[in-house]
């Protein structure tokens, strides 16, 4: 099995979120199962010089972007047995930030999608499966199906498109269809790429890929409903037969309290004592009093409404009357920066905040906290709760997406469970659940048993990698004839292009999938 993993970021080279962690760990886990797995991503300015020094120039060629031809270099390096390819174009990727805003993002990642497909003959690697991830790679299945599938070398390639977060969809002006991709307006229709007056890269991946996956079974179910579906729920229900949820894992070598170089004292299932020393060191770092009778609750997160910060805000006063100290690490929306800054001033010794993303600090917080708060509005999978379990820090989560799939709530009658959870997105449900958790904290033997179960839980990549390999095998047995009806073959029937494109109303996407959207009538 030959696999090319196309992604916009990957650990250890460049990271803004959990997508990079997946791209750094899953290909390596698949390689252990005998897969020839390789990764391709942009060569950003932010990649550290130590990695750039190891890169070797493979080749360079031109990539057509409409009427222009743009330079494309390919660099490569091998890390942990995996070959990584880097798409080099300074105009698109040598910028102050990995991601930007506005219509230009469509051109940048449109170029990347085209470059991935154009690179295959230059590297002499035609994968059995091209695994694409999130909207930045959504045009790869589209272009493959419409412009490359008739070529013998490309005809056997199958595509898997993984949704890591459906909320971010890459919606751009419809004129990019012809200007950058040469597709014309025949595909600016609700059946294909049109999305409420624009074109959606995410929708391209959903319509044209052979299979769709997302990062937890519960999220795969949730996104087929209007509440979580981000206006793509009808399409996802229509394609539910090729939609599968596979839970993400974590890299157990990076996140390991027995070997972690960033924490104060290493510890293990055999000896928990190091965790107490980690907590003492964390309190010293954040200028919090050493109190044995109260717990340290922590948040390591992007500070946004999606992550439940509005729930924290709704009960902040009552929450800080509880016997706990709160540590928050992350960056995000200005409103929550202001709220937490005020809380740190108003409740000295109870709240400590760092507005930064720093890997070593995150390790110290996971190791030193007692409770990890993750009350997300939605969470496709979540890695933070898995990391906290690895360090014996008890997660408190809302029952959504991967949080529901991974955190078994504590049952006092059976003494089972590895965390605490609440069902409804409600601030007082969060508060009452936290009160309940803190009620068990003084029972040291009970809490130690829960910590032990948490650390014993195995959320590595082994099982998930086997599930992906099984899915790749099913995809590779696909023939063109099994492609869903709304995903066209390599040579669709010609249609007369409209003289003038008109933005579509909100109803057009529902009409494209009438069966899937019957509930809206």
Protein backbone atom coordinates (compact mmCIF):
# COMPACT_ATOMS: atom_id res chain seq x y z
CA UNK A 1 0.00 0.00 0.00
CA UNK A 2 1.40 3.39 -1.05
CA UNK A 3 0.05 6.46 0.74
CA UNK A 4 0.59 10.18 0.20
CA UNK A 5 -0.69 12.29 3.09
CA UNK A 6 -1.44 15.85 1.91
CA UNK A 7 -1.74 18.37 4.73
CA UNK A 8 -1.21 22.05 5.46
CA UNK A 9 0.87 21.54 8.66
CA UNK A 10 2.71 18.71 10.38
CA UNK A 11 4.67 18.13 13.58
CA UNK A 12 7.59 18.63 14.13
CA UNK A 13 7.97 21.17 11.33
CA UNK A 14 5.07 23.56 11.73
CA UNK A 15 2.02 23.55 14.00
CA UNK A 16 -1.01 25.69 14.80
CA UNK A 17 -3.33 22.95 16.10
CA UNK A 18 -4.21 19.29 16.39
CA UNK A 19 -4.09 18.72 12.62
CA UNK A 20 -0.30 18.96 12.78
CA UNK A 21 -0.17 16.36 15.55
CA UNK A 22 -2.19 13.94 13.43
CA UNK A 23 0.03 14.52 10.39
CA UNK A 24 3.11 13.88 12.51
CA UNK A 25 1.88 10.65 14.10
CA UNK A 26 -0.56 8.82 11.79
CA UNK A 27 1.81 8.29 8.81
CA UNK A 28 4.44 6.87 11.18
CA UNK A 29 1.89 4.52 12.76
CA UNK A 30 0.85 3.34 9.30
CA UNK A 31 4.48 2.76 8.33
CA UNK A 32 4.73 0.29 11.21
CA UNK A 33 1.94 -1.66 9.50
CA UNK A 34 3.92 -1.91 6.28
CA UNK A 35 2.49 1.10 4.44
CA UNK A 36 4.85 3.17 2.28
CA UNK A 37 3.50 6.41 3.75
CA UNK A 38 4.81 9.82 2.76
CA UNK A 39 3.72 13.35 3.61
CA UNK A 40 3.54 16.52 1.50
CA UNK A 41 3.02 20.04 2.88
CA UNK A 42 3.98 23.64 2.05
CA UNK A 43 7.45 24.93 2.86
CA UNK A 44 6.61 27.84 5.13
CA UNK A 45 8.95 30.53 6.36
CA UNK A 46 8.11 29.48 9.94
CA UNK A 47 9.78 26.07 9.56
CA UNK A 48 12.85 26.12 11.82
CA UNK A 49 16.28 26.52 10.19
CA UNK A 50 17.43 23.16 11.60
CA UNK A 51 14.81 21.41 9.44
CA UNK A 52 15.49 23.51 6.36
CA UNK A 53 19.18 22.65 6.64
CA UNK A 54 18.31 18.96 6.33
CA UNK A 55 16.14 19.40 3.24
CA UNK A 56 17.40 18.21 -0.12
CA UNK A 57 16.28 19.73 -3.39
CA UNK A 58 14.37 17.10 -5.38
CA UNK A 59 13.30 19.03 -8.45
CA UNK A 60 11.50 22.14 -9.64
CA UNK A 61 8.88 22.69 -12.30
CA UNK A 62 6.08 25.06 -13.29
CA UNK A 63 2.51 24.84 -12.08
CA UNK A 64 -0.32 26.32 -14.14
CA UNK A 65 -2.49 28.77 -12.25
CA UNK A 66 -4.93 29.86 -14.93
CA UNK A 67 -3.05 31.90 -17.50
CA UNK A 68 0.06 32.06 -15.30
CA UNK A 69 2.75 29.50 -14.66
CA UNK A 70 4.19 29.60 -11.16
CA UNK A 71 7.48 28.23 -9.92
CA UNK A 72 7.24 25.12 -7.74
CA UNK A 73 10.22 23.59 -5.97
CA UNK A 74 10.17 20.28 -4.15
CA UNK A 75 12.38 19.70 -1.11
CA UNK A 76 12.47 16.53 0.94
CA UNK A 77 13.82 15.09 4.16
CA UNK A 78 13.37 11.85 6.05
CA UNK A 79 12.29 11.99 9.69
CA UNK A 80 11.50 8.94 11.83
CA UNK A 81 11.55 6.82 8.68
CA UNK A 82 8.93 8.95 6.86
CA UNK A 83 9.71 10.91 3.70
CA UNK A 84 8.37 14.46 3.87
CA UNK A 85 8.03 16.58 0.73
CA UNK A 86 7.85 20.37 0.96
CA UNK A 87 6.22 22.47 -1.76
CA UNK A 88 8.38 25.55 -2.19
CA UNK A 89 7.10 28.85 -3.53
CA UNK A 90 8.13 31.96 -1.63
CA UNK A 91 5.39 34.13 -3.12
CA UNK A 92 2.75 31.91 -1.53
CA UNK A 93 4.41 30.48 1.57
CA UNK A 94 7.21 32.77 2.72
CA UNK A 95 4.94 34.89 4.91
CA UNK A 96 4.72 36.01 8.52
CA UNK A 97 1.90 33.58 9.31
CA UNK A 98 1.01 30.11 8.06
CA UNK A 99 -2.60 31.08 7.42
CA UNK A 100 -3.95 34.42 6.30
CA UNK A 101 -7.33 35.89 5.51
CA UNK A 102 -9.37 36.82 2.48
CA UNK A 103 -9.56 35.65 -1.11
CA UNK A 104 -5.81 35.26 -1.43
CA UNK A 105 -5.97 32.09 0.69
CA UNK A 106 -7.86 30.44 -2.16
CA UNK A 107 -5.00 31.13 -4.55
CA UNK A 108 -2.32 30.00 -2.06
CA UNK A 109 -3.88 26.65 -1.26
CA UNK A 110 -5.25 26.25 -4.77
CA UNK A 111 -1.63 26.35 -5.87
CA UNK A 112 -0.73 23.78 -3.21
CA UNK A 113 -3.50 21.42 -4.37
CA UNK A 114 -2.36 21.66 -7.99
CA UNK A 115 1.29 21.28 -6.99
CA UNK A 116 0.56 18.06 -5.07
CA UNK A 117 -0.90 16.43 -8.18
CA UNK A 118 1.76 17.83 -10.51
CA UNK A 119 4.55 16.60 -8.23
CA UNK A 120 3.73 12.89 -8.59
CA UNK A 121 5.60 12.21 -11.86
CA UNK A 122 8.54 14.30 -10.64
CA UNK A 123 9.00 12.20 -7.50
CA UNK A 124 8.08 8.94 -9.24
CA UNK A 125 5.47 8.12 -6.63
CA UNK A 126 1.86 7.44 -7.59
CA UNK A 127 0.04 6.51 -4.38
CA UNK A 128 -2.73 3.99 -4.08
CA UNK A 129 -4.42 6.44 -1.69
CA UNK A 130 -4.08 10.21 -1.58
CA UNK A 131 -5.21 11.17 1.93
CA UNK A 132 -6.32 14.82 2.03
CA UNK A 133 -7.01 16.83 5.16
CA UNK A 134 -9.35 19.81 5.69
CA UNK A 135 -10.28 22.55 3.26
CA UNK A 136 -6.69 23.48 2.35
CA UNK A 137 -6.50 20.20 0.40
CA UNK A 138 -10.14 20.02 -0.73
CA UNK A 139 -9.40 20.81 -4.37
CA UNK A 140 -7.06 17.82 -4.71
CA UNK A 141 -9.88 15.24 -5.07
CA UNK A 142 -11.73 17.74 -7.29
CA UNK A 143 -8.86 18.30 -9.70
CA UNK A 144 -7.90 14.62 -9.69
CA UNK A 145 -11.41 13.55 -10.64
CA UNK A 146 -12.00 16.24 -13.25
CA UNK A 147 -8.61 16.82 -14.88
CA UNK A 148 -6.22 13.94 -14.14
CA UNK A 149 -8.20 10.72 -13.84
CA UNK A 150 -8.06 10.02 -17.59
CA UNK A 151 -4.26 9.76 -17.38
CA UNK A 152 -3.14 6.12 -16.90
CA UNK A 153 -0.72 6.93 -14.07
CA UNK A 154 -3.44 8.74 -12.09
CA UNK A 155 -6.41 6.51 -12.90
CA UNK A 156 -5.92 4.10 -9.99
CA UNK A 157 -5.40 6.74 -7.29
CA UNK A 158 -8.20 6.84 -4.71
CA UNK A 159 -8.83 9.77 -2.39
CA UNK A 160 -9.81 9.97 1.26
CA UNK A 161 -10.85 13.37 2.56
CA UNK A 162 -10.67 13.81 6.35
CA UNK A 163 -12.69 16.51 8.10
CA UNK A 164 -10.77 17.77 11.11
CA UNK A 165 -13.05 20.76 11.69
CA UNK A 166 -16.09 21.36 9.48
CA UNK A 167 -16.45 24.95 10.64
CA UNK A 168 -13.51 26.12 8.53
CA UNK A 169 -14.50 25.57 4.90
CA UNK A 170 -12.37 27.69 2.58
CA UNK A 171 -15.11 29.65 0.81
CA UNK A 172 -13.97 31.97 -1.98
CA UNK A 173 -15.18 33.95 -4.99
CA UNK A 174 -16.64 31.76 -7.74
CA UNK A 175 -14.35 33.42 -10.31
CA UNK A 176 -11.44 31.40 -8.90
CA UNK A 177 -12.92 28.29 -10.54
CA UNK A 178 -11.84 29.46 -13.99
CA UNK A 179 -9.07 31.87 -13.05
CA UNK A 180 -6.97 29.41 -11.04
CA UNK A 181 -8.29 25.96 -11.92
CA UNK A 182 -9.54 26.24 -15.48
CA UNK A 183 -12.78 24.50 -14.55
CA UNK A 184 -15.21 27.02 -15.97
CA UNK A 185 -18.65 27.67 -14.54
CA UNK A 186 -20.19 24.27 -15.28
CA UNK A 187 -19.15 23.21 -11.75
CA UNK A 188 -20.48 26.37 -10.13
CA UNK A 189 -23.68 24.55 -9.22
CA UNK A 190 -25.09 23.28 -5.90
CA UNK A 191 -24.37 19.68 -6.95
CA UNK A 192 -20.66 20.41 -7.17
CA UNK A 193 -18.73 23.40 -5.75
CA UNK A 194 -21.21 26.25 -5.33
CA UNK A 195 -21.81 27.17 -1.70
CA UNK A 196 -24.14 30.07 -0.93
CA UNK A 197 -22.82 32.24 -3.75
CA UNK A 198 -19.15 31.24 -3.48
CA UNK A 199 -17.10 28.10 -4.02
CA UNK A 200 -16.11 25.89 -1.10
CA UNK A 201 -12.84 23.95 -1.05
CA UNK A 202 -14.27 21.84 1.78
CA UNK A 203 -17.30 20.99 -0.33
CA UNK A 204 -15.01 20.02 -3.21
CA UNK A 205 -13.36 17.44 -0.98
CA UNK A 206 -16.71 16.13 0.24
CA UNK A 207 -18.25 15.82 -3.22
CA UNK A 208 -15.33 14.42 -5.22
CA UNK A 209 -13.43 12.18 -2.79
CA UNK A 210 -13.98 8.43 -2.87
CA UNK A 211 -14.36 8.22 0.90
CA UNK A 212 -14.81 10.73 3.70
CA UNK A 213 -13.60 10.34 7.24
CA UNK A 214 -13.68 12.46 10.34
CA UNK A 215 -11.83 12.25 13.58
CA UNK A 216 -14.32 10.54 15.90
CA UNK A 217 -17.41 8.33 15.49
CA UNK A 218 -19.67 10.74 17.39
CA UNK A 219 -18.59 13.72 15.29
CA UNK A 220 -19.28 11.72 12.11
CA UNK A 221 -22.85 11.33 13.37
CA UNK A 222 -23.18 14.91 14.66
CA UNK A 223 -22.19 16.65 11.42
CA UNK A 224 -25.12 15.02 9.63
CA UNK A 225 -27.44 17.21 11.73
CA UNK A 226 -28.16 20.92 11.13
CA UNK A 227 -26.74 22.00 14.52
CA UNK A 228 -23.25 20.66 13.82
CA UNK A 229 -23.37 20.38 10.03
CA UNK A 230 -22.33 23.96 9.18
CA UNK A 231 -24.83 24.00 6.26
CA UNK A 232 -23.26 20.88 4.75
CA UNK A 233 -25.36 18.38 6.69
CA UNK A 234 -27.53 17.53 3.66
CA UNK A 235 -24.49 16.63 1.56
CA UNK A 236 -23.02 14.61 4.43
CA UNK A 237 -26.23 12.64 4.87
CA UNK A 238 -26.27 12.00 1.14
CA UNK A 239 -22.73 10.61 1.36
CA UNK A 240 -23.20 8.85 4.70
CA UNK A 241 -22.52 5.49 3.04
CA UNK A 242 -18.86 6.50 2.52
CA UNK A 243 -18.49 8.55 5.73
CA UNK A 244 -16.60 6.99 8.63
CA UNK A 245 -15.47 8.30 12.01
CA UNK A 246 -12.04 7.13 13.17
CA UNK A 247 -10.80 8.40 16.50
CA UNK A 248 -7.55 10.33 16.57
CA UNK A 249 -4.73 9.17 18.81
CA UNK A 250 -1.76 10.83 20.46
CA UNK A 251 1.95 10.22 20.13
CA UNK A 252 2.69 8.24 23.27
CA UNK A 253 6.42 8.89 22.97
CA UNK A 254 6.03 12.67 23.00
CA UNK A 255 3.34 12.63 25.70
CA UNK A 256 4.83 10.34 28.30
CA UNK A 257 5.28 11.33 31.97
CA UNK A 258 7.95 8.63 32.38
CA UNK A 259 10.29 10.23 29.82
CA UNK A 260 9.01 13.82 29.38
CA UNK A 261 12.02 16.20 29.37
CA UNK A 262 9.86 19.27 30.04
CA UNK A 263 8.31 18.37 33.40
CA UNK A 264 9.80 18.89 36.87
CA UNK A 265 9.74 15.25 37.98
CA UNK A 266 8.97 12.21 35.89
CA UNK A 267 6.43 9.71 37.17
CA UNK A 268 4.60 6.55 36.17
CA UNK A 269 1.82 4.18 37.12
CA UNK A 270 4.21 2.50 39.53
CA UNK A 271 4.99 5.75 41.35
CA UNK A 272 2.62 8.76 41.34
CA UNK A 273 4.72 10.83 43.72
CA UNK A 274 6.35 12.76 40.90
CA UNK A 275 2.98 14.23 39.94
CA UNK A 276 2.69 16.00 43.29
CA UNK A 277 6.11 17.53 42.74
CA UNK A 278 5.02 18.61 39.25
CA UNK A 279 1.99 20.31 40.81
CA UNK A 280 4.16 22.09 43.37
CA UNK A 281 6.50 23.30 40.60
CA UNK A 282 3.54 24.47 38.50
CA UNK A 283 2.12 26.45 41.41
CA UNK A 284 5.50 28.09 41.96
CA UNK A 285 5.72 28.99 38.28
CA UNK A 286 2.29 30.67 38.38
CA UNK A 287 2.72 32.23 41.86
CA UNK A 288 -0.07 30.18 43.43
CA UNK A 289 -0.12 29.08 47.06
CA UNK A 290 0.80 25.50 47.94
CA UNK A 291 -2.50 24.12 49.24
CA UNK A 292 -3.09 20.39 49.72
CA UNK A 293 -6.81 20.86 50.32
CA UNK A 294 -7.70 22.41 46.96
CA UNK A 295 -7.30 21.21 43.37
CA UNK A 296 -5.56 22.81 40.43
CA UNK A 297 -7.90 23.04 37.43
CA UNK A 298 -6.33 23.88 34.08
CA UNK A 299 -7.22 24.91 30.54
CA UNK A 300 -4.75 24.63 27.66
CA UNK A 301 -6.65 25.79 24.61
CA UNK A 302 -7.43 28.23 21.89
CA UNK A 303 -9.50 30.83 23.73
CA UNK A 304 -12.76 30.89 21.80
CA UNK A 305 -16.46 30.25 22.16
CA UNK A 306 -16.03 26.85 20.48
CA UNK A 307 -13.89 25.77 23.43
CA UNK A 308 -16.56 26.72 25.97
CA UNK A 309 -15.04 29.95 27.23
CA UNK A 310 -18.48 31.57 27.19
CA UNK A 311 -19.63 28.93 29.71
CA UNK A 312 -16.66 29.77 31.94
CA UNK A 313 -17.57 33.44 31.66
CA UNK A 314 -21.23 32.77 32.51
CA UNK A 315 -20.44 31.27 35.92
CA UNK A 316 -17.01 32.78 36.57
CA UNK A 317 -17.85 34.26 39.99
CA UNK A 318 -19.47 31.06 41.27
CA UNK A 319 -16.72 28.92 39.78
CA UNK A 320 -14.01 30.87 41.59
CA UNK A 321 -15.80 30.43 44.92
CA UNK A 322 -15.11 26.69 44.64
CA UNK A 323 -12.04 25.12 46.31
CA UNK A 324 -9.74 25.32 43.31
CA UNK A 325 -7.00 27.31 41.62
CA UNK A 326 -7.48 27.96 37.89
CA UNK A 327 -4.61 28.05 35.39
CA UNK A 328 -5.33 29.06 31.78
CA UNK A 329 -2.79 28.85 28.94
CA UNK A 330 -3.60 29.83 25.37
CA UNK A 331 -4.39 32.58 22.92
CA UNK A 332 -7.54 33.55 21.09
CA UNK A 333 -10.33 36.08 20.98
CA UNK A 334 -9.67 39.50 22.53
CA UNK A 335 -12.88 39.32 24.57
CA UNK A 336 -11.66 36.26 26.47
CA UNK A 337 -8.20 37.76 26.93
CA UNK A 338 -9.86 40.71 28.64
CA UNK A 339 -12.14 38.52 30.74
CA UNK A 340 -9.30 36.35 32.00
CA UNK A 341 -7.01 39.32 32.61
CA UNK A 342 -9.75 40.85 34.77
CA UNK A 343 -10.27 37.54 36.61
CA UNK A 344 -6.55 37.29 37.39
CA UNK A 345 -6.63 40.83 38.83
CA UNK A 346 -9.92 40.35 40.69
CA UNK A 347 -9.04 36.93 42.18
CA UNK A 348 -5.31 37.00 42.97
CA UNK A 349 -4.05 33.62 44.04
CA UNK A 350 -7.06 31.91 42.44
CA UNK A 351 -6.52 32.60 38.72
CA UNK A 352 -3.27 32.58 36.74
CA UNK A 353 -3.14 33.18 32.99
CA UNK A 354 -0.52 32.98 30.23
CA UNK A 355 -1.53 34.18 26.78
CA UNK A 356 0.91 32.10 24.77
CA UNK A 357 1.39 28.82 22.91
CA UNK A 358 4.53 27.18 24.20
CA UNK A 359 5.02 23.44 23.96
CA UNK A 360 7.12 22.94 27.10
CA UNK A 361 4.68 24.99 29.20
CA UNK A 362 1.78 22.86 27.97
CA UNK A 363 3.62 19.73 29.11
CA UNK A 364 4.14 21.21 32.57
CA UNK A 365 0.46 22.13 32.90
CA UNK A 366 -0.75 18.68 31.83
CA UNK A 367 1.60 17.07 34.36
CA UNK A 368 0.89 19.44 37.25
CA UNK A 369 -2.88 19.93 37.15
CA UNK A 370 -5.46 17.78 38.93
CA UNK A 371 -8.44 18.53 36.64
CA UNK A 372 -8.43 19.48 32.96
CA UNK A 373 -11.40 21.59 31.79
CA UNK A 374 -12.68 21.13 28.23
CA UNK A 375 -16.35 22.25 28.07
CA UNK A 376 -16.43 22.59 24.26
CA UNK A 377 -19.46 23.64 22.26
CA UNK A 378 -18.28 21.11 19.66
CA UNK A 379 -15.10 19.09 19.44
CA UNK A 380 -14.39 16.91 16.37
CA UNK A 381 -11.98 14.77 18.39
CA UNK A 382 -9.88 16.72 20.82
CA UNK A 383 -6.36 15.74 21.77
CA UNK A 384 -6.04 17.70 25.00
CA UNK A 385 -8.30 15.37 26.96
CA UNK A 386 -6.28 12.37 25.70
CA UNK A 387 -3.03 14.02 26.79
CA UNK A 388 -4.45 14.88 30.19
CA UNK A 389 -5.45 11.23 30.70
CA UNK A 390 -1.93 10.17 29.80
CA UNK A 391 -0.63 12.36 32.65
CA UNK A 392 -3.23 11.27 35.20
CA UNK A 393 -5.00 14.63 35.06
CA UNK A 394 -8.74 14.02 35.22
CA UNK A 395 -10.68 15.59 32.32
CA UNK A 396 -14.00 17.36 32.76
CA UNK A 397 -15.68 17.65 29.35
CA UNK A 398 -18.95 18.27 27.58
CA UNK A 399 -20.38 15.21 25.87
CA UNK A 400 -19.75 16.09 22.24
CA UNK A 401 -17.66 14.64 19.42
CA UNK A 402 -14.48 12.90 20.48
CA UNK A 403 -14.93 14.06 24.07
CA UNK A 404 -17.96 11.80 24.37
CA UNK A 405 -16.11 8.93 22.71
CA UNK A 406 -13.05 9.06 24.96
CA UNK A 407 -14.05 10.20 28.46
CA UNK A 408 -16.07 7.64 30.40
CA UNK A 409 -17.79 9.58 33.23
CA UNK A 410 -17.17 8.51 36.80
CA UNK A 411 -19.84 6.29 38.38
CA UNK A 412 -19.65 6.33 42.17
CA UNK A 413 -21.81 3.21 42.49
CA UNK A 414 -19.48 1.01 40.42
CA UNK A 415 -16.26 3.03 40.96
CA UNK A 416 -15.71 3.14 37.21
CA UNK A 417 -14.83 5.96 34.85
CA UNK A 418 -11.89 8.18 33.98
CA UNK A 419 -13.38 11.67 34.09
CA UNK A 420 -16.48 13.83 34.44
CA UNK A 421 -18.90 15.04 31.80
CA UNK A 422 -22.12 16.97 31.24
CA UNK A 423 -24.53 16.73 28.32
CA UNK A 424 -26.11 20.13 27.63
CA UNK A 425 -24.21 23.23 26.59
CA UNK A 426 -25.15 25.08 29.75
CA UNK A 427 -22.96 27.11 32.11
CA UNK A 428 -24.58 25.80 35.28
CA UNK A 429 -24.28 22.19 34.16
CA UNK A 430 -20.57 22.87 33.86
CA UNK A 431 -20.54 24.45 37.32
CA UNK A 432 -22.46 21.61 38.98
CA UNK A 433 -20.26 18.97 37.31
CA UNK A 434 -17.14 20.75 38.53
CA UNK A 435 -18.62 20.93 42.04
CA UNK A 436 -19.22 17.17 41.89
CA UNK A 437 -15.67 16.47 40.74
CA UNK A 438 -14.21 18.63 43.50
CA UNK A 439 -16.36 16.77 46.01
CA UNK A 440 -14.40 13.59 45.21
CA UNK A 441 -10.98 15.25 45.21
CA UNK A 442 -10.38 15.01 49.00
CA UNK A 443 -10.98 11.24 48.83
CA UNK A 444 -7.39 10.51 47.97
CA UNK A 445 -7.69 6.76 47.46
CA UNK A 446 -10.70 7.19 45.16
CA UNK A 447 -8.91 9.92 43.20
CA UNK A 448 -5.76 7.80 42.90
CA UNK A 449 -7.79 4.92 41.47
CA UNK A 450 -9.29 7.26 38.90
CA UNK A 451 -5.84 8.60 38.01
CA UNK A 452 -4.57 5.06 37.54
CA UNK A 453 -7.43 4.17 35.21
CA UNK A 454 -6.82 7.40 33.28
CA UNK A 455 -3.13 6.59 32.77
CA UNK A 456 -3.94 3.01 31.78
CA UNK A 457 -6.34 4.14 29.02
CA UNK A 458 -4.67 3.55 25.66
CA UNK A 459 -5.34 6.27 23.10
CA UNK A 460 -2.27 5.77 20.96
CA UNK A 461 -2.39 5.43 17.18
CA UNK A 462 -2.12 1.64 16.85
CA UNK A 463 -5.84 0.83 16.69
CA UNK A 464 -6.71 3.93 14.65
CA UNK A 465 -3.95 3.20 12.16
CA UNK A 466 -5.35 -0.31 11.65
CA UNK A 467 -8.80 1.20 11.00
CA UNK A 468 -7.35 3.61 8.44
CA UNK A 469 -5.47 0.77 6.74
CA UNK A 470 -8.69 -1.23 6.52
CA UNK A 471 -10.45 1.79 5.03
CA UNK A 472 -7.66 2.31 2.48
CA UNK A 473 -8.07 -1.32 1.43
CA UNK A 474 -11.79 -0.85 0.86
CA UNK A 475 -11.15 2.32 -1.14
CA UNK A 476 -8.53 0.72 -3.34
CA UNK A 477 -11.05 -1.92 -4.38
CA UNK A 478 -13.31 0.84 -5.66
CA UNK A 479 -13.87 1.17 -9.39
CA UNK A 480 -14.89 4.36 -11.15
CA UNK A 481 -18.39 3.02 -11.50
CA UNK A 482 -18.86 2.98 -7.72
CA UNK A 483 -18.27 6.70 -7.41
CA UNK A 484 -21.43 8.44 -6.07
CA UNK A 485 -23.68 9.86 -8.76
CA UNK A 486 -23.09 13.48 -7.82
CA UNK A 487 -19.29 13.07 -8.12
CA UNK A 488 -18.65 13.20 -11.90
CA UNK A 489 -16.32 10.93 -13.79
CA UNK A 490 -13.16 12.19 -15.43
CA UNK A 491 -15.07 13.29 -18.54
CA UNK A 492 -18.45 14.69 -17.53
CA UNK A 493 -21.03 15.45 -20.15
CA UNK A 494 -20.59 18.91 -21.51
CA UNK A 495 -23.03 21.51 -20.34
CA UNK A 496 -23.57 24.96 -21.68
CA UNK A 497 -21.94 27.43 -19.31
CA UNK A 498 -24.19 30.25 -18.19
CA UNK A 499 -23.51 33.62 -19.77
CA UNK A 500 -23.42 35.28 -16.38
CA UNK A 501 -23.00 33.58 -13.03
CA UNK A 502 -25.51 34.58 -10.41
CA UNK A 503 -24.97 34.06 -6.69
CA UNK A 504 -27.16 31.25 -5.47
CA UNK A 505 -29.66 31.64 -2.67
CA UNK A 506 -29.38 29.73 0.57
CA UNK A 507 -31.97 27.27 -0.73
CA UNK A 508 -29.92 26.05 -3.71
CA UNK A 509 -27.65 23.80 -1.67
CA UNK A 510 -30.69 22.18 -0.09
CA UNK A 511 -32.23 21.62 -3.52
CA UNK A 512 -29.04 19.94 -4.72
CA UNK A 513 -29.67 17.12 -2.25
CA UNK A 514 -33.48 17.02 -2.02
CA UNK A 515 -33.67 13.65 -0.28
CA UNK A 516 -31.08 14.68 2.28
CA UNK A 517 -32.81 17.99 2.95
CA UNK A 518 -36.41 16.75 3.01
CA UNK A 519 -36.77 17.88 6.63
CA UNK A 520 -36.43 21.50 5.51
CA UNK A 521 -39.50 21.49 3.29
